[in-house]
Amino acid sequence: MIDLLKKTLLAGVGAAVITKDKIEGTLDDFVRQGKVNAQDARIMADKIAEQGRKEFDELAGELNTRISGMLDRSSADANARIAALEERVKVLEAKLAEPPTRSGEP
Protein backbone atom coordinates (compact mmCIF):
# COMPACT_ATOMS: atom_id res chain seq x y z
CA MET A 1 0.00 0.00 0.00
CA ILE A 2 2.86 2.36 0.81
CA ASP A 3 4.37 1.61 -2.59
CA LEU A 4 1.09 2.48 -4.27
CA LEU A 5 0.97 5.79 -2.42
CA LYS A 6 4.56 6.56 -3.38
CA LYS A 7 3.84 5.81 -7.01
CA THR A 8 0.74 7.99 -6.89
CA LEU A 9 2.71 10.89 -5.41
CA LEU A 10 5.49 10.51 -7.95
CA ALA A 11 2.94 10.44 -10.74
CA GLY A 12 1.51 13.68 -9.35
CA VAL A 13 4.95 15.30 -9.32
CA GLY A 14 5.54 14.10 -12.86
CA ALA A 15 2.22 15.57 -13.94
CA ALA A 16 3.15 18.87 -12.28
CA VAL A 17 6.46 18.97 -14.15
CA ILE A 18 4.78 18.19 -17.44
CA THR A 19 2.17 20.86 -16.75
CA LYS A 20 4.89 23.43 -15.97
CA ASP A 21 6.67 22.56 -19.20
CA LYS A 22 3.44 22.89 -21.15
CA ILE A 23 2.61 26.21 -19.52
CA GLU A 24 6.04 27.59 -20.33
CA GLY A 25 5.75 26.32 -23.89
CA THR A 26 2.33 27.89 -24.31
CA LEU A 27 3.49 31.19 -22.84
CA ASP A 28 6.53 31.15 -25.14
CA ASP A 29 4.16 30.68 -28.07
CA PHE A 30 2.10 33.66 -26.88
CA VAL A 31 5.25 35.79 -26.64
CA ARG A 32 6.33 34.76 -30.16
CA GLN A 33 2.87 35.58 -31.49
CA GLY A 34 2.98 38.96 -29.76
CA LYS A 35 -0.10 38.25 -27.63
CA VAL A 36 1.87 38.74 -24.39
CA ASN A 37 5.18 40.41 -23.70
CA ALA A 38 7.99 38.40 -22.11
CA GLN A 39 7.71 40.12 -18.73
CA ASP A 40 3.97 39.43 -18.46
CA ALA A 41 4.56 35.83 -19.54
CA ARG A 42 7.14 35.39 -16.78
CA ILE A 43 4.77 36.90 -14.20
CA MET A 44 1.99 34.55 -15.33
CA ALA A 45 4.34 31.56 -15.24
CA ASP A 46 5.48 32.47 -11.72
CA LYS A 47 1.89 32.87 -10.51
CA ILE A 48 0.84 29.57 -12.05
CA ALA A 49 3.89 27.81 -10.60
CA GLU A 50 3.25 29.30 -7.14
CA GLN A 51 -0.41 28.25 -7.26
CA GLY A 52 0.67 24.75 -8.30
CA ARG A 53 3.13 24.55 -5.39
CA LYS A 54 0.43 25.67 -2.94
CA GLU A 55 -2.03 23.10 -4.25
CA PHE A 56 0.62 20.37 -4.16
CA ASP A 57 1.58 21.28 -0.59
CA GLU A 58 -2.08 21.25 0.47
CA LEU A 59 -2.62 17.90 -1.18
CA ALA A 60 0.55 16.45 0.36
CA GLY A 61 -0.50 17.68 3.81
CA GLU A 62 -3.97 16.20 3.43
CA LEU A 63 -2.53 12.92 2.19
CA ASN A 64 -0.09 12.83 5.10
CA THR A 65 -2.94 13.37 7.57
CA ARG A 66 -4.99 10.59 6.02
CA ILE A 67 -2.08 8.14 5.93
CA SER A 68 -1.26 8.90 9.56
CA GLY A 69 -4.89 8.26 10.50
CA MET A 70 -4.88 4.96 8.64
CA LEU A 71 -1.65 3.88 10.31
CA ASP A 72 -2.97 4.89 13.74
CA ARG A 73 -6.14 2.83 13.22
CA SER A 74 -4.11 -0.11 11.97
CA SER A 75 -1.78 0.16 14.95
CA ALA A 76 -4.72 0.32 17.36
CA ASP A 77 -6.22 -2.83 15.79
CA ALA A 78 -2.88 -4.63 16.00
CA ASN A 79 -2.46 -3.61 19.65
CA ALA A 80 -5.94 -4.92 20.48
CA ARG A 81 -5.17 -8.25 18.79
CA ILE A 82 -1.86 -8.53 20.62
CA ALA A 83 -3.54 -7.81 23.97
CA ALA A 84 -6.15 -10.49 23.28
CA LEU A 85 -3.47 -13.02 22.35
CA GLU A 86 -1.44 -12.18 25.46
CA GLU A 87 -4.51 -12.78 27.59
CA ARG A 88 -5.10 -16.16 25.93
CA VAL A 89 -1.46 -17.13 26.51
CA LYS A 90 -1.79 -16.22 30.21
CA VAL A 91 -4.87 -18.42 30.55
CA LEU A 92 -3.16 -21.33 28.82
CA GLU A 93 -0.01 -20.92 30.91
CA ALA A 94 -2.12 -20.92 34.08
CA LYS A 95 -3.80 -24.14 32.99
CA LEU A 96 -0.44 -25.75 32.28
CA ALA A 97 0.86 -24.71 35.70
CA GLU A 98 -2.01 -26.50 37.48
CA PRO A 99 -1.14 -29.99 38.75
CA PRO A 100 -2.66 -32.69 36.60
CA THR A 101 -5.75 -34.34 37.94
CA ARG A 102 -6.21 -38.04 37.65
CA SER A 103 -9.76 -38.66 36.77
CA GLY A 104 -11.18 -42.06 37.39
CA GLU A 105 -8.92 -42.87 40.39
CA PRO A 106 -10.50 -43.56 43.74
PDB file of N, CA and C in Angstrom:
ATOM      1  N   MET A   1       0.829  -1.185   0.000  1.00  0.00           N
ATOM      2  CA  MET A   1       0.000   0.000   0.000  1.00  0.00           C
ATOM      3  C   MET A   1       0.875   1.251   0.000  1.00  0.00           C
ATOM      4  N   ILE A   2       1.960   1.219   0.783  1.00  0.00           N
ATOM      5  CA  ILE A   2       2.865   2.363   0.808  1.00  0.00           C
ATOM      6  C   ILE A   2       3.470   2.574  -0.572  1.00  0.00           C
ATOM      7  N   ASP A   3       3.812   1.478  -1.253  1.00  0.00           N
ATOM      8  CA  ASP A   3       4.374   1.613  -2.595  1.00  0.00           C
ATOM      9  C   ASP A   3       3.381   2.262  -3.543  1.00  0.00           C
ATOM     10  N   LEU A   4       2.118   1.886  -3.417  1.00  0.00           N
ATOM     11  CA  LEU A   4       1.092   2.482  -4.267  1.00  0.00           C
ATOM     12  C   LEU A   4       0.983   3.982  -4.010  1.00  0.00           C
ATOM     13  N   LEU A   5       1.031   4.364  -2.748  1.00  0.00           N
ATOM     14  CA  LEU A   5       0.968   5.792  -2.424  1.00  0.00           C
ATOM     15  C   LEU A   5       2.179   6.540  -2.969  1.00  0.00           C
ATOM     16  N   LYS A   6       3.363   5.920  -2.841  1.00  0.00           N
ATOM     17  CA  LYS A   6       4.562   6.558  -3.382  1.00  0.00           C
ATOM     18  C   LYS A   6       4.446   6.748  -4.886  1.00  0.00           C
ATOM     19  N   LYS A   7       3.984   5.704  -5.567  1.00  0.00           N
ATOM     20  CA  LYS A   7       3.844   5.806  -7.012  1.00  0.00           C
ATOM     21  C   LYS A   7       2.840   6.883  -7.391  1.00  0.00           C
ATOM     22  N   THR A   8       1.762   6.976  -6.613  1.00  0.00           N
ATOM     23  CA  THR A   8       0.744   7.988  -6.886  1.00  0.00           C
ATOM     24  C   THR A   8       1.320   9.388  -6.708  1.00  0.00           C
ATOM     25  N   LEU A   9       2.098   9.576  -5.632  1.00  0.00           N
ATOM     26  CA  LEU A   9       2.709  10.892  -5.405  1.00  0.00           C
ATOM     27  C   LEU A   9       3.700  11.233  -6.510  1.00  0.00           C
ATOM     28  N   LEU A  10       4.516  10.258  -6.890  1.00  0.00           N
ATOM     29  CA  LEU A  10       5.493  10.511  -7.946  1.00  0.00           C
ATOM     30  C   LEU A  10       4.803  10.813  -9.272  1.00  0.00           C
ATOM     31  N   ALA A  11       3.708  10.145  -9.520  1.00  0.00           N
ATOM     32  CA  ALA A  11       2.936  10.439 -10.736  1.00  0.00           C
ATOM     33  C   ALA A  11       2.412  11.865 -10.676  1.00  0.00           C
ATOM     34  N   GLY A  12       1.986  12.299  -9.508  1.00  0.00           N
ATOM     35  CA  GLY A  12       1.514  13.678  -9.353  1.00  0.00           C
ATOM     36  C   GLY A  12       2.617  14.682  -9.593  1.00  0.00           C
ATOM     37  N   VAL A  13       3.805  14.407  -9.092  1.00  0.00           N
ATOM     38  CA  VAL A  13       4.946  15.302  -9.320  1.00  0.00           C
ATOM     39  C   VAL A  13       5.287  15.325 -10.804  1.00  0.00           C
ATOM     40  N   GLY A  14       5.271  14.168 -11.416  1.00  0.00           N
ATOM     41  CA  GLY A  14       5.540  14.099 -12.859  1.00  0.00           C
ATOM     42  C   GLY A  14       4.523  14.902 -13.648  1.00  0.00           C
ATOM     43  N   ALA A  15       3.272  14.796 -13.267  1.00  0.00           N
ATOM     44  CA  ALA A  15       2.216  15.565 -13.935  1.00  0.00           C
ATOM     45  C   ALA A  15       2.442  17.054 -13.739  1.00  0.00           C
ATOM     46  N   ALA A  16       2.888  17.446 -12.544  1.00  0.00           N
ATOM     47  CA  ALA A  16       3.147  18.868 -12.283  1.00  0.00           C
ATOM     48  C   ALA A  16       4.289  19.370 -13.148  1.00  0.00           C
ATOM     49  N   VAL A  17       5.333  18.563 -13.315  1.00  0.00           N
ATOM     50  CA  VAL A  17       6.464  18.971 -14.148  1.00  0.00           C
ATOM     51  C   VAL A  17       6.028  19.103 -15.588  1.00  0.00           C
ATOM     52  N   ILE A  18       5.263  18.130 -16.060  1.00  0.00           N
ATOM     53  CA  ILE A  18       4.777  18.194 -17.439  1.00  0.00           C
ATOM     54  C   ILE A  18       3.910  19.428 -17.622  1.00  0.00           C
ATOM     55  N   THR A  19       3.052  19.702 -16.653  1.00  0.00           N
ATOM     56  CA  THR A  19       2.175  20.857 -16.745  1.00  0.00           C
ATOM     57  C   THR A  19       2.997  22.142 -16.803  1.00  0.00           C
ATOM     58  N   LYS A  20       4.040  22.231 -15.968  1.00  0.00           N
ATOM     59  CA  LYS A  20       4.886  23.426 -15.967  1.00  0.00           C
ATOM     60  C   LYS A  20       5.550  23.599 -17.328  1.00  0.00           C
ATOM     61  N   ASP A  21       6.051  22.493 -17.879  1.00  0.00           N
ATOM     62  CA  ASP A  21       6.670  22.562 -19.199  1.00  0.00           C
ATOM     63  C   ASP A  21       5.675  23.019 -20.252  1.00  0.00           C
ATOM     64  N   LYS A  22       4.457  22.502 -20.169  1.00  0.00           N
ATOM     65  CA  LYS A  22       3.442  22.890 -21.152  1.00  0.00           C
ATOM     66  C   LYS A  22       3.059  24.354 -20.997  1.00  0.00           C
ATOM     67  N   ILE A  23       2.960  24.802 -19.752  1.00  0.00           N
ATOM     68  CA  ILE A  23       2.612  26.212 -19.516  1.00  0.00           C
ATOM     69  C   ILE A  23       3.696  27.116 -20.089  1.00  0.00           C
ATOM     70  N   GLU A  24       4.954  26.774 -19.803  1.00  0.00           N
ATOM     71  CA  GLU A  24       6.044  27.594 -20.327  1.00  0.00           C
ATOM     72  C   GLU A  24       6.055  27.577 -21.853  1.00  0.00           C
ATOM     73  N   GLY A  25       5.800  26.419 -22.425  1.00  0.00           N
ATOM     74  CA  GLY A  25       5.750  26.321 -23.887  1.00  0.00           C
ATOM     75  C   GLY A  25       4.629  27.170 -24.462  1.00  0.00           C
ATOM     76  N   THR A  26       3.477  27.105 -23.827  1.00  0.00           N
ATOM     77  CA  THR A  26       2.330  27.890 -24.305  1.00  0.00           C
ATOM     78  C   THR A  26       2.603  29.386 -24.171  1.00  0.00           C
ATOM     79  N   LEU A  27       3.181  29.765 -23.019  1.00  0.00           N
ATOM     80  CA  LEU A  27       3.486  31.190 -22.837  1.00  0.00           C
ATOM     81  C   LEU A  27       4.554  31.654 -23.827  1.00  0.00           C
ATOM     82  N   ASP A  28       5.528  30.804 -24.122  1.00  0.00           N
ATOM     83  CA  ASP A  28       6.532  31.154 -25.135  1.00  0.00           C
ATOM     84  C   ASP A  28       5.873  31.363 -26.492  1.00  0.00           C
ATOM     85  N   ASP A  29       4.901  30.513 -26.808  1.00  0.00           N
ATOM     86  CA  ASP A  29       4.164  30.685 -28.066  1.00  0.00           C
ATOM     87  C   ASP A  29       3.427  32.018 -28.077  1.00  0.00           C
ATOM     88  N   PHE A  30       2.811  32.381 -26.965  1.00  0.00           N
ATOM     89  CA  PHE A  30       2.096  33.664 -26.879  1.00  0.00           C
ATOM     90  C   PHE A  30       3.051  34.835 -27.063  1.00  0.00           C
ATOM     91  N   VAL A  31       4.254  34.715 -26.498  1.00  0.00           N
ATOM     92  CA  VAL A  31       5.254  35.787 -26.644  1.00  0.00           C
ATOM     93  C   VAL A  31       5.667  35.891 -28.105  1.00  0.00           C
ATOM     94  N   ARG A  32       5.927  34.751 -28.750  1.00  0.00           N
ATOM     95  CA  ARG A  32       6.333  34.764 -30.165  1.00  0.00           C
ATOM     96  C   ARG A  32       5.238  35.343 -31.051  1.00  0.00           C
ATOM     97  N   GLN A  33       3.994  35.078 -30.693  1.00  0.00           N
ATOM     98  CA  GLN A  33       2.866  35.581 -31.489  1.00  0.00           C
ATOM     99  C   GLN A  33       2.556  37.042 -31.151  1.00  0.00           C
ATOM    100  N   GLY A  34       3.196  37.564 -30.131  1.00  0.00           N
ATOM    101  CA  GLY A  34       2.978  38.963 -29.759  1.00  0.00           C
ATOM    102  C   GLY A  34       1.723  39.178 -28.925  1.00  0.00           C
ATOM    103  N   LYS A  35       1.114  38.119 -28.439  1.00  0.00           N
ATOM    104  CA  LYS A  35      -0.097  38.252 -27.627  1.00  0.00           C
ATOM    105  C   LYS A  35       0.225  38.725 -26.215  1.00  0.00           C
ATOM    106  N   VAL A  36       1.436  38.391 -25.742  1.00  0.00           N
ATOM    107  CA  VAL A  36       1.868  38.739 -24.385  1.00  0.00           C
ATOM    108  C   VAL A  36       3.338  39.117 -24.469  1.00  0.00           C
ATOM    109  N   ASN A  37       3.750  40.129 -23.694  1.00  0.00           N
ATOM    110  CA  ASN A  37       5.181  40.415 -23.696  1.00  0.00           C
ATOM    111  C   ASN A  37       5.893  39.449 -22.741  1.00  0.00           C
ATOM    112  N   ALA A  38       7.207  39.381 -22.869  1.00  0.00           N
ATOM    113  CA  ALA A  38       7.987  38.396 -22.112  1.00  0.00           C
ATOM    114  C   ALA A  38       7.852  38.591 -20.608  1.00  0.00           C
ATOM    115  N   GLN A  39       7.812  39.862 -20.174  1.00  0.00           N
ATOM    116  CA  GLN A  39       7.713  40.122 -18.733  1.00  0.00           C
ATOM    117  C   GLN A  39       6.375  39.618 -18.185  1.00  0.00           C
ATOM    118  N   ASP A  40       5.286  39.916 -18.897  1.00  0.00           N
ATOM    119  CA  ASP A  40       3.970  39.431 -18.456  1.00  0.00           C
ATOM    120  C   ASP A  40       3.917  37.901 -18.462  1.00  0.00           C
ATOM    121  N   ALA A  41       4.550  37.290 -19.468  1.00  0.00           N
ATOM    122  CA  ALA A  41       4.564  35.825 -19.541  1.00  0.00           C
ATOM    123  C   ALA A  41       5.285  35.248 -18.332  1.00  0.00           C
ATOM    124  N   ARG A  42       6.400  35.884 -17.950  1.00  0.00           N
ATOM    125  CA  ARG A  42       7.145  35.391 -16.785  1.00  0.00           C
ATOM    126  C   ARG A  42       6.309  35.548 -15.510  1.00  0.00           C
ATOM    127  N   ILE A  43       5.617  36.682 -15.389  1.00  0.00           N
ATOM    128  CA  ILE A  43       4.768  36.899 -14.202  1.00  0.00           C
ATOM    129  C   ILE A  43       3.671  35.836 -14.147  1.00  0.00           C
ATOM    130  N   MET A  44       3.049  35.576 -15.292  1.00  0.00           N
ATOM    131  CA  MET A  44       1.992  34.549 -15.326  1.00  0.00           C
ATOM    132  C   MET A  44       2.555  33.185 -14.971  1.00  0.00           C
ATOM    133  N   ALA A  45       3.728  32.864 -15.526  1.00  0.00           N
ATOM    134  CA  ALA A  45       4.337  31.560 -15.238  1.00  0.00           C
ATOM    135  C   ALA A  45       4.657  31.435 -13.753  1.00  0.00           C
ATOM    136  N   ASP A  46       5.169  32.507 -13.162  1.00  0.00           N
ATOM    137  CA  ASP A  46       5.479  32.468 -11.722  1.00  0.00           C
ATOM    138  C   ASP A  46       4.212  32.281 -10.892  1.00  0.00           C
ATOM    139  N   LYS A  47       3.153  32.996 -11.254  1.00  0.00           N
ATOM    140  CA  LYS A  47       1.894  32.865 -10.506  1.00  0.00           C
ATOM    141  C   LYS A  47       1.328  31.453 -10.632  1.00  0.00           C
ATOM    142  N   ILE A  48       1.361  30.926 -11.834  1.00  0.00           N
ATOM    143  CA  ILE A  48       0.838  29.569 -12.046  1.00  0.00           C
ATOM    144  C   ILE A  48       1.686  28.556 -11.282  1.00  0.00           C
ATOM    145  N   ALA A  49       3.008  28.743 -11.328  1.00  0.00           N
ATOM    146  CA  ALA A  49       3.892  27.814 -10.603  1.00  0.00           C
ATOM    147  C   ALA A  49       3.656  27.912  -9.095  1.00  0.00           C
ATOM    148  N   GLU A  50       3.496  29.120  -8.574  1.00  0.00           N
ATOM    149  CA  GLU A  50       3.253  29.299  -7.141  1.00  0.00           C
ATOM    150  C   GLU A  50       1.927  28.653  -6.736  1.00  0.00           C
ATOM    151  N   GLN A  51       0.894  28.862  -7.560  1.00  0.00           N
ATOM    152  CA  GLN A  51      -0.408  28.250  -7.259  1.00  0.00           C
ATOM    153  C   GLN A  51      -0.293  26.729  -7.272  1.00  0.00           C
ATOM    154  N   GLY A  52       0.472  26.194  -8.230  1.00  0.00           N
ATOM    155  CA  GLY A  52       0.670  24.752  -8.298  1.00  0.00           C
ATOM    156  C   GLY A  52       1.383  24.222  -7.064  1.00  0.00           C
ATOM    157  N   ARG A  53       2.406  24.968  -6.605  1.00  0.00           N
ATOM    158  CA  ARG A  53       3.126  24.551  -5.395  1.00  0.00           C
ATOM    159  C   ARG A  53       2.196  24.547  -4.190  1.00  0.00           C
ATOM    160  N   LYS A  54       1.364  25.595  -4.071  1.00  0.00           N
ATOM    161  CA  LYS A  54       0.426  25.666  -2.943  1.00  0.00           C
ATOM    162  C   LYS A  54      -0.537  24.481  -2.974  1.00  0.00           C
ATOM    163  N   GLU A  55      -1.080  24.219  -4.145  1.00  0.00           N
ATOM    164  CA  GLU A  55      -2.029  23.099  -4.254  1.00  0.00           C
ATOM    165  C   GLU A  55      -1.345  21.770  -3.950  1.00  0.00           C
ATOM    166  N   PHE A  56      -0.101  21.613  -4.437  1.00  0.00           N
ATOM    167  CA  PHE A  56       0.623  20.369  -4.164  1.00  0.00           C
ATOM    168  C   PHE A  56       0.893  20.235  -2.676  1.00  0.00           C
ATOM    169  N   ASP A  57       1.314  21.330  -2.032  1.00  0.00           N
ATOM    170  CA  ASP A  57       1.579  21.278  -0.590  1.00  0.00           C
ATOM    171  C   ASP A  57       0.307  20.949   0.193  1.00  0.00           C
ATOM    172  N   GLU A  58      -0.812  21.544  -0.208  1.00  0.00           N
ATOM    173  CA  GLU A  58      -2.077  21.249   0.474  1.00  0.00           C
ATOM    174  C   GLU A  58      -2.446  19.782   0.299  1.00  0.00           C
ATOM    175  N   LEU A  59      -2.293  19.296  -0.912  1.00  0.00           N
ATOM    176  CA  LEU A  59      -2.619  17.896  -1.183  1.00  0.00           C
ATOM    177  C   LEU A  59      -1.695  16.962  -0.405  1.00  0.00           C
ATOM    178  N   ALA A  60      -0.402  17.289  -0.376  1.00  0.00           N
ATOM    179  CA  ALA A  60       0.552  16.451   0.360  1.00  0.00           C
ATOM    180  C   ALA A  60       0.228  16.450   1.849  1.00  0.00           C
ATOM    181  N   GLY A  61      -0.139  17.612   2.395  1.00  0.00           N
ATOM    182  CA  GLY A  61      -0.504  17.677   3.806  1.00  0.00           C
ATOM    183  C   GLY A  61      -1.745  16.854   4.114  1.00  0.00           C
ATOM    184  N   GLU A  62      -2.735  16.970   3.235  1.00  0.00           N
ATOM    185  CA  GLU A  62      -3.967  16.200   3.427  1.00  0.00           C
ATOM    186  C   GLU A  62      -3.691  14.703   3.321  1.00  0.00           C
ATOM    187  N   LEU A  63      -2.872  14.330   2.357  1.00  0.00           N
ATOM    188  CA  LEU A  63      -2.527  12.917   2.189  1.00  0.00           C
ATOM    189  C   LEU A  63      -1.763  12.407   3.407  1.00  0.00           C
ATOM    190  N   ASN A  64      -0.848  13.210   3.913  1.00  0.00           N
ATOM    191  CA  ASN A  64      -0.088  12.834   5.100  1.00  0.00           C
ATOM    192  C   ASN A  64      -1.017  12.614   6.294  1.00  0.00           C
ATOM    193  N   THR A  65      -1.984  13.501   6.466  1.00  0.00           N
ATOM    194  CA  THR A  65      -2.937  13.367   7.567  1.00  0.00           C
ATOM    195  C   THR A  65      -3.741  12.079   7.433  1.00  0.00           C
ATOM    196  N   ARG A  66      -4.185  11.800   6.229  1.00  0.00           N
ATOM    197  CA  ARG A  66      -4.986  10.586   6.015  1.00  0.00           C
ATOM    198  C   ARG A  66      -4.158   9.312   6.236  1.00  0.00           C
ATOM    199  N   ILE A  67      -2.929   9.321   5.748  1.00  0.00           N
ATOM    200  CA  ILE A  67      -2.080   8.142   5.929  1.00  0.00           C
ATOM    201  C   ILE A  67      -1.788   7.932   7.411  1.00  0.00           C
ATOM    202  N   SER A  68      -1.511   9.017   8.125  1.00  0.00           N
ATOM    203  CA  SER A  68      -1.261   8.904   9.557  1.00  0.00           C
ATOM    204  C   SER A  68      -2.480   8.325  10.276  1.00  0.00           C
ATOM    205  N   GLY A  69      -3.663   8.782   9.900  1.00  0.00           N
ATOM    206  CA  GLY A  69      -4.890   8.256  10.496  1.00  0.00           C
ATOM    207  C   GLY A  69      -5.056   6.769  10.229  1.00  0.00           C
ATOM    208  N   MET A  70      -4.761   6.375   8.985  1.00  0.00           N
ATOM    209  CA  MET A  70      -4.879   4.956   8.637  1.00  0.00           C
ATOM    210  C   MET A  70      -3.892   4.120   9.438  1.00  0.00           C
ATOM    211  N   LEU A  71      -2.664   4.625   9.566  1.00  0.00           N
ATOM    212  CA  LEU A  71      -1.647   3.880  10.315  1.00  0.00           C
ATOM    213  C   LEU A  71      -2.006   3.819  11.787  1.00  0.00           C
ATOM    214  N   ASP A  72      -2.560   4.894  12.336  1.00  0.00           N
ATOM    215  CA  ASP A  72      -2.973   4.885  13.739  1.00  0.00           C
ATOM    216  C   ASP A  72      -4.064   3.848  13.983  1.00  0.00           C
ATOM    217  N   ARG A  73      -5.056   3.816  13.080  1.00  0.00           N
ATOM    218  CA  ARG A  73      -6.138   2.831  13.222  1.00  0.00           C
ATOM    219  C   ARG A  73      -5.590   1.419  13.113  1.00  0.00           C
ATOM    220  N   SER A  74      -4.697   1.213  12.156  1.00  0.00           N
ATOM    221  CA  SER A  74      -4.105  -0.106  11.973  1.00  0.00           C
ATOM    222  C   SER A  74      -3.309  -0.511  13.204  1.00  0.00           C
ATOM    223  N   SER A  75      -2.572   0.432  13.753  1.00  0.00           N
ATOM    224  CA  SER A  75      -1.778   0.156  14.950  1.00  0.00           C
ATOM    225  C   SER A  75      -2.686  -0.157  16.133  1.00  0.00           C
ATOM    226  N   ALA A  76      -3.789   0.576  16.261  1.00  0.00           N
ATOM    227  CA  ALA A  76      -4.722   0.315  17.364  1.00  0.00           C
ATOM    228  C   ALA A  76      -5.325  -1.083  17.230  1.00  0.00           C
ATOM    229  N   ASP A  77      -5.682  -1.477  16.013  1.00  0.00           N
ATOM    230  CA  ASP A  77      -6.220  -2.825  15.789  1.00  0.00           C
ATOM    231  C   ASP A  77      -5.175  -3.884  16.130  1.00  0.00           C
ATOM    232  N   ALA A  78      -3.947  -3.666  15.719  1.00  0.00           N
ATOM    233  CA  ALA A  78      -2.884  -4.634  15.998  1.00  0.00           C
ATOM    234  C   ALA A  78      -2.650  -4.731  17.506  1.00  0.00           C
ATOM    235  N   ASN A  79      -2.658  -3.596  18.197  1.00  0.00           N
ATOM    236  CA  ASN A  79      -2.461  -3.615  19.648  1.00  0.00           C
ATOM    237  C   ASN A  79      -3.583  -4.371  20.354  1.00  0.00           C
ATOM    238  N   ALA A  80      -4.815  -4.205  19.878  1.00  0.00           N
ATOM    239  CA  ALA A  80      -5.941  -4.920  20.477  1.00  0.00           C
ATOM    240  C   ALA A  80      -5.793  -6.434  20.263  1.00  0.00           C
ATOM    241  N   ARG A  81      -5.362  -6.824  19.067  1.00  0.00           N
ATOM    242  CA  ARG A  81      -5.173  -8.255  18.790  1.00  0.00           C
ATOM    243  C   ARG A  81      -4.047  -8.824  19.649  1.00  0.00           C
ATOM    244  N   ILE A  82      -2.978  -8.069  19.800  1.00  0.00           N
ATOM    245  CA  ILE A  82      -1.856  -8.531  20.618  1.00  0.00           C
ATOM    246  C   ILE A  82      -2.293  -8.678  22.077  1.00  0.00           C
ATOM    247  N   ALA A  83      -3.056  -7.732  22.584  1.00  0.00           N
ATOM    248  CA  ALA A  83      -3.536  -7.811  23.971  1.00  0.00           C
ATOM    249  C   ALA A  83      -4.417  -9.037  24.159  1.00  0.00           C
ATOM    250  N   ALA A  84      -5.281  -9.313  23.181  1.00  0.00           N
ATOM    251  CA  ALA A  84      -6.150 -10.489  23.278  1.00  0.00           C
ATOM    252  C   ALA A  84      -5.320 -11.772  23.260  1.00  0.00           C
ATOM    253  N   LEU A  85      -4.324 -11.827  22.405  1.00  0.00           N
ATOM    254  CA  LEU A  85      -3.466 -13.016  22.346  1.00  0.00           C
ATOM    255  C   LEU A  85      -2.659 -13.179  23.634  1.00  0.00           C
ATOM    256  N   GLU A  86      -2.179 -12.090  24.201  1.00  0.00           N
ATOM    257  CA  GLU A  86      -1.444 -12.176  25.463  1.00  0.00           C
ATOM    258  C   GLU A  86      -2.334 -12.713  26.571  1.00  0.00           C
ATOM    259  N   GLU A  87      -3.582 -12.293  26.581  1.00  0.00           N
ATOM    260  CA  GLU A  87      -4.514 -12.780  27.590  1.00  0.00           C
ATOM    261  C   GLU A  87      -4.755 -14.284  27.419  1.00  0.00           C
ATOM    262  N   ARG A  88      -4.908 -14.733  26.186  1.00  0.00           N
ATOM    263  CA  ARG A  88      -5.104 -16.164  25.931  1.00  0.00           C
ATOM    264  C   ARG A  88      -3.878 -16.973  26.372  1.00  0.00           C
ATOM    265  N   VAL A  89      -2.689 -16.435  26.100  1.00  0.00           N
ATOM    266  CA  VAL A  89      -1.462 -17.129  26.507  1.00  0.00           C
ATOM    267  C   VAL A  89      -1.405 -17.232  28.027  1.00  0.00           C
ATOM    268  N   LYS A  90      -1.780 -16.185  28.738  1.00  0.00           N
ATOM    269  CA  LYS A  90      -1.786 -16.218  30.207  1.00  0.00           C
ATOM    270  C   LYS A  90      -2.713 -17.312  30.717  1.00  0.00           C
ATOM    271  N   VAL A  91      -3.898 -17.401  30.135  1.00  0.00           N
ATOM    272  CA  VAL A  91      -4.869 -18.418  30.548  1.00  0.00           C
ATOM    273  C   VAL A  91      -4.302 -19.814  30.296  1.00  0.00           C
ATOM    274  N   LEU A  92      -3.725 -20.021  29.144  1.00  0.00           N
ATOM    275  CA  LEU A  92      -3.160 -21.334  28.818  1.00  0.00           C
ATOM    276  C   LEU A  92      -1.976 -21.673  29.719  1.00  0.00           C
ATOM    277  N   GLU A  93      -1.138 -20.680  30.006  1.00  0.00           N
ATOM    278  CA  GLU A  93      -0.011 -20.922  30.906  1.00  0.00           C
ATOM    279  C   GLU A  93      -0.498 -21.267  32.309  1.00  0.00           C
ATOM    280  N   ALA A  94      -1.570 -20.621  32.759  1.00  0.00           N
ATOM    281  CA  ALA A  94      -2.120 -20.921  34.082  1.00  0.00           C
ATOM    282  C   ALA A  94      -2.651 -22.349  34.120  1.00  0.00           C
ATOM    283  N   LYS A  95      -3.291 -22.768  33.036  1.00  0.00           N
ATOM    284  CA  LYS A  95      -3.801 -24.138  32.987  1.00  0.00           C
ATOM    285  C   LYS A  95      -2.652 -25.150  32.992  1.00  0.00           C
ATOM    286  N   LEU A  96      -1.587 -24.836  32.307  1.00  0.00           N
ATOM    287  CA  LEU A  96      -0.436 -25.747  32.280  1.00  0.00           C
ATOM    288  C   LEU A  96       0.266 -25.814  33.635  1.00  0.00           C
ATOM    289  N   ALA A  97       0.200 -24.750  34.399  1.00  0.00           N
ATOM    290  CA  ALA A  97       0.862 -24.712  35.704  1.00  0.00           C
ATOM    291  C   ALA A  97       0.092 -25.491  36.760  1.00  0.00           C
ATOM    292  N   GLU A  98      -1.201 -25.751  36.529  1.00  0.00           N
ATOM    293  CA  GLU A  98      -2.010 -26.504  37.484  1.00  0.00           C
ATOM    294  C   GLU A  98      -1.539 -27.959  37.504  1.00  0.00           C
ATOM    295  N   PRO A  99      -1.536 -28.577  38.705  1.00  0.00           N
ATOM    296  CA  PRO A  99      -1.143 -29.994  38.747  1.00  0.00           C
ATOM    297  C   PRO A  99      -2.178 -30.842  38.014  1.00  0.00           C
ATOM    298  N   PRO A 100      -1.708 -31.851  37.356  1.00  0.00           N
ATOM    299  CA  PRO A 100      -2.658 -32.691  36.602  1.00  0.00           C
ATOM    300  C   PRO A 100      -3.571 -33.463  37.549  1.00  0.00           C
ATOM    301  N   THR A 101      -4.795 -33.568  37.149  1.00  0.00           N
ATOM    302  CA  THR A 101      -5.751 -34.339  37.943  1.00  0.00           C
ATOM    303  C   THR A 101      -5.885 -35.719  37.308  1.00  0.00           C
ATOM    304  N   ARG A 102      -6.056 -36.681  38.162  1.00  0.00           N
ATOM    305  CA  ARG A 102      -6.210 -38.043  37.653  1.00  0.00           C
ATOM    306  C   ARG A 102      -7.671 -38.420  37.778  1.00  0.00           C
ATOM    307  N   SER A 103      -8.341 -38.295  36.731  1.00  0.00           N
ATOM    308  CA  SER A 103      -9.758 -38.657  36.770  1.00  0.00           C
ATOM    309  C   SER A 103      -9.905 -40.169  36.703  1.00  0.00           C
ATOM    310  N   GLY A 104     -10.906 -40.629  37.403  1.00  0.00           N
ATOM    311  CA  GLY A 104     -11.182 -42.060  37.389  1.00  0.00           C
ATOM    312  C   GLY A 104     -10.486 -42.806  38.506  1.00  0.00           C
ATOM    313  N   GLU A 105      -9.591 -42.166  39.278  1.00  0.00           N
ATOM    314  CA  GLU A 105      -8.920 -42.868  40.392  1.00  0.00           C
ATOM    315  C   GLU A 105      -9.731 -42.703  41.664  1.00  0.00           C
ATOM    316  N   PRO A 106      -9.692 -43.643  42.513  1.00  0.00           N
ATOM    317  CA  PRO A 106     -10.498 -43.559  43.741  1.00  0.00           C
ATOM    318  C   PRO A 106      -9.976 -42.556  44.723  1.00  0.00           C
TER     319      PRO A 106
END
